[in-house]
Amino acid sequence: MAISRTPTASSGDEDLRFLAALVAILAAERKSRGISLRELAAETTYNAGYYSRAERGLTEPGVVSLCRWWRALGLDFVEVAQRARDVRRLDP
């Protein structure tokens, strides 16, 4: 299978849905563990406002911030990515 070097609108949409699913899972995990945005920020180099904006869909977190986010929560990336993939498949 060849890798397309030119993203299509549909692949971009799919990527954004995957990112949104990742963020939703991370936010839900944070909240279910009773971790505040300030506590999360204290474990990373990003501030609470950044994570708040990401959780509200006002900014797209980058790879490094996502890595720090799931590590701060003690999560495994592969598990989170699989969950996000499954959520994305349920979206119309």
C-alpha atoms as a PDB file:
ATOM      1  CA  MET A   1       0.000   0.000   0.000  1.00  0.00           C
ATOM      2  CA  ALA A   2       1.431   3.354  -1.032  1.00  0.00           C
ATOM      3  CA  ILE A   3       1.420   6.279   1.332  1.00  0.00           C
ATOM      4  CA  SER A   4      -0.188   9.365  -0.119  1.00  0.00           C
ATOM      5  CA  ARG A   5       1.950  12.445   0.317  1.00  0.00           C
ATOM      6  CA  THR A   6      -0.966  14.746  -0.430  1.00  0.00           C
ATOM      7  CA  PRO A   7      -3.626  14.715   2.291  1.00  0.00           C
ATOM      8  CA  THR A   8      -7.194  14.761   1.090  1.00  0.00           C
ATOM      9  CA  ALA A   9     -10.017  16.622   2.765  1.00  0.00           C
ATOM     10  CA  SER A  10     -11.481  13.340   3.994  1.00  0.00           C
ATOM     11  CA  SER A  11      -8.162  12.148   5.456  1.00  0.00           C
ATOM     12  CA  GLY A  12      -7.764  15.517   7.175  1.00  0.00           C
ATOM     13  CA  ASP A  13     -11.256  15.226   8.600  1.00  0.00           C
ATOM     14  CA  GLU A  14     -10.475  11.725   9.809  1.00  0.00           C
ATOM     15  CA  ASP A  15      -7.276  12.960  11.449  1.00  0.00           C
ATOM     16  CA  LEU A  16      -9.185  15.713  13.248  1.00  0.00           C
ATOM     17  CA  ARG A  17     -11.803  13.227  14.461  1.00  0.00           C
ATOM     18  CA  PHE A  18      -9.016  10.980  15.759  1.00  0.00           C
ATOM     19  CA  LEU A  19      -7.374  13.919  17.551  1.00  0.00           C
ATOM     20  CA  ALA A  20     -10.718  14.973  19.039  1.00  0.00           C
ATOM     21  CA  ALA A  21     -11.280  11.409  20.264  1.00  0.00           C
ATOM     22  CA  LEU A  22      -7.790  11.318  21.843  1.00  0.00           C
ATOM     23  CA  VAL A  23      -8.427  14.594  23.660  1.00  0.00           C
ATOM     24  CA  ALA A  24     -11.884  13.475  24.818  1.00  0.00           C
ATOM     25  CA  ILE A  25     -10.427  10.262  26.254  1.00  0.00           C
ATOM     26  CA  LEU A  26      -7.599  12.108  28.009  1.00  0.00           C
ATOM     27  CA  ALA A  27     -10.022  14.676  29.430  1.00  0.00           C
ATOM     28  CA  ALA A  28     -12.391  11.960  30.650  1.00  0.00           C
ATOM     29  CA  GLU A  29      -9.510  10.066  32.269  1.00  0.00           C
ATOM     30  CA  ARG A  30      -8.283  13.239  33.968  1.00  0.00           C
ATOM     31  CA  LYS A  31     -11.734  14.026  35.320  1.00  0.00           C
ATOM     32  CA  SER A  32     -12.475  10.452  36.427  1.00  0.00           C
ATOM     33  CA  ARG A  33      -9.252  10.475  38.445  1.00  0.00           C
ATOM     34  CA  GLY A  34     -10.144  13.777  40.081  1.00  0.00           C
ATOM     35  CA  ILE A  35      -7.088  15.533  38.643  1.00  0.00           C
ATOM     36  CA  SER A  36      -7.489  19.263  38.137  1.00  0.00           C
ATOM     37  CA  LEU A  37      -6.124  21.106  35.139  1.00  0.00           C
ATOM     38  CA  ARG A  38      -3.636  22.788  37.464  1.00  0.00           C
ATOM     39  CA  GLU A  39      -2.445  19.432  38.772  1.00  0.00           C
ATOM     40  CA  LEU A  40      -2.077  18.163  35.220  1.00  0.00           C
ATOM     41  CA  ALA A  41      -0.136  21.274  34.252  1.00  0.00           C
ATOM     42  CA  ALA A  42       2.177  20.845  37.240  1.00  0.00           C
ATOM     43  CA  GLU A  43       3.199  17.444  35.832  1.00  0.00           C
ATOM     44  CA  THR A  44       3.981  18.882  32.386  1.00  0.00           C
ATOM     45  CA  THR A  45       5.524  22.006  30.907  1.00  0.00           C
ATOM     46  CA  TYR A  46       2.158  23.267  29.657  1.00  0.00           C
ATOM     47  CA  ASN A  47      -0.178  25.499  31.632  1.00  0.00           C
ATOM     48  CA  ALA A  48      -3.723  24.746  32.766  1.00  0.00           C
ATOM     49  CA  GLY A  49      -5.164  27.177  30.219  1.00  0.00           C
ATOM     50  CA  TYR A  50      -3.584  25.216  27.381  1.00  0.00           C
ATOM     51  CA  TYR A  51      -5.206  21.974  28.501  1.00  0.00           C
ATOM     52  CA  SER A  52      -8.501  23.747  29.121  1.00  0.00           C
ATOM     53  CA  ARG A  53      -8.490  25.134  25.570  1.00  0.00           C
ATOM     54  CA  ALA A  54      -7.596  21.692  24.191  1.00  0.00           C
ATOM     55  CA  GLU A  55     -10.414  20.016  26.116  1.00  0.00           C
ATOM     56  CA  ARG A  56     -12.887  22.614  24.838  1.00  0.00           C
ATOM     57  CA  GLY A  57     -11.703  22.171  21.244  1.00  0.00           C
ATOM     58  CA  LEU A  58     -10.255  25.681  20.993  1.00  0.00           C
ATOM     59  CA  THR A  59      -6.733  24.491  20.201  1.00  0.00           C
ATOM     60  CA  GLU A  60      -5.243  21.376  18.633  1.00  0.00           C
ATOM     61  CA  PRO A  61      -2.646  19.899  20.979  1.00  0.00           C
ATOM     62  CA  GLY A  62       0.621  18.837  19.432  1.00  0.00           C
ATOM     63  CA  VAL A  63       2.339  15.491  19.734  1.00  0.00           C
ATOM     64  CA  VAL A  64       4.619  16.526  22.599  1.00  0.00           C
ATOM     65  CA  SER A  65       1.786  17.921  24.704  1.00  0.00           C
ATOM     66  CA  LEU A  66      -0.290  14.789  24.081  1.00  0.00           C
ATOM     67  CA  CYS A  67       2.654  12.605  25.143  1.00  0.00           C
ATOM     68  CA  ARG A  68       3.077  14.562  28.348  1.00  0.00           C
ATOM     69  CA  TRP A  69      -0.678  14.481  28.962  1.00  0.00           C
ATOM     70  CA  TRP A  70      -1.067  10.705  28.782  1.00  0.00           C
ATOM     71  CA  ARG A  71       2.188  10.119  30.659  1.00  0.00           C
ATOM     72  CA  ALA A  72       1.072  12.448  33.464  1.00  0.00           C
ATOM     73  CA  LEU A  73      -2.077  10.335  33.741  1.00  0.00           C
ATOM     74  CA  GLY A  74      -0.050   7.112  33.699  1.00  0.00           C
ATOM     75  CA  LEU A  75      -1.711   5.906  30.516  1.00  0.00           C
ATOM     76  CA  ASP A  76      -0.319   3.759  27.714  1.00  0.00           C
ATOM     77  CA  PHE A  77      -0.385   5.482  24.319  1.00  0.00           C
ATOM     78  CA  VAL A  78      -1.276   2.346  22.391  1.00  0.00           C
ATOM     79  CA  GLU A  79      -4.322   1.760  24.589  1.00  0.00           C
ATOM     80  CA  VAL A  80      -5.451   5.384  24.277  1.00  0.00           C
ATOM     81  CA  ALA A  81      -4.925   5.337  20.497  1.00  0.00           C
ATOM     82  CA  GLN A  82      -6.928   2.112  20.158  1.00  0.00           C
ATOM     83  CA  ARG A  83      -9.750   3.594  22.200  1.00  0.00           C
ATOM     84  CA  ALA A  84      -9.689   6.744  20.055  1.00  0.00           C
ATOM     85  CA  ARG A  85      -9.767   4.635  16.895  1.00  0.00           C
ATOM     86  CA  ASP A  86     -12.778   2.735  18.222  1.00  0.00           C
ATOM     87  CA  VAL A  87     -14.586   5.966  19.139  1.00  0.00           C
ATOM     88  CA  ARG A  88     -13.806   7.424  15.722  1.00  0.00           C
ATOM     89  CA  ARG A  89     -15.303   4.357  14.020  1.00  0.00           C
ATOM     90  CA  LEU A  90     -18.581   4.964  15.847  1.00  0.00           C
ATOM     91  CA  ASP A  91     -18.825   8.511  14.501  1.00  0.00           C
ATOM     92  CA  PRO A  92     -20.975   8.947  11.390  1.00  0.00           C
END
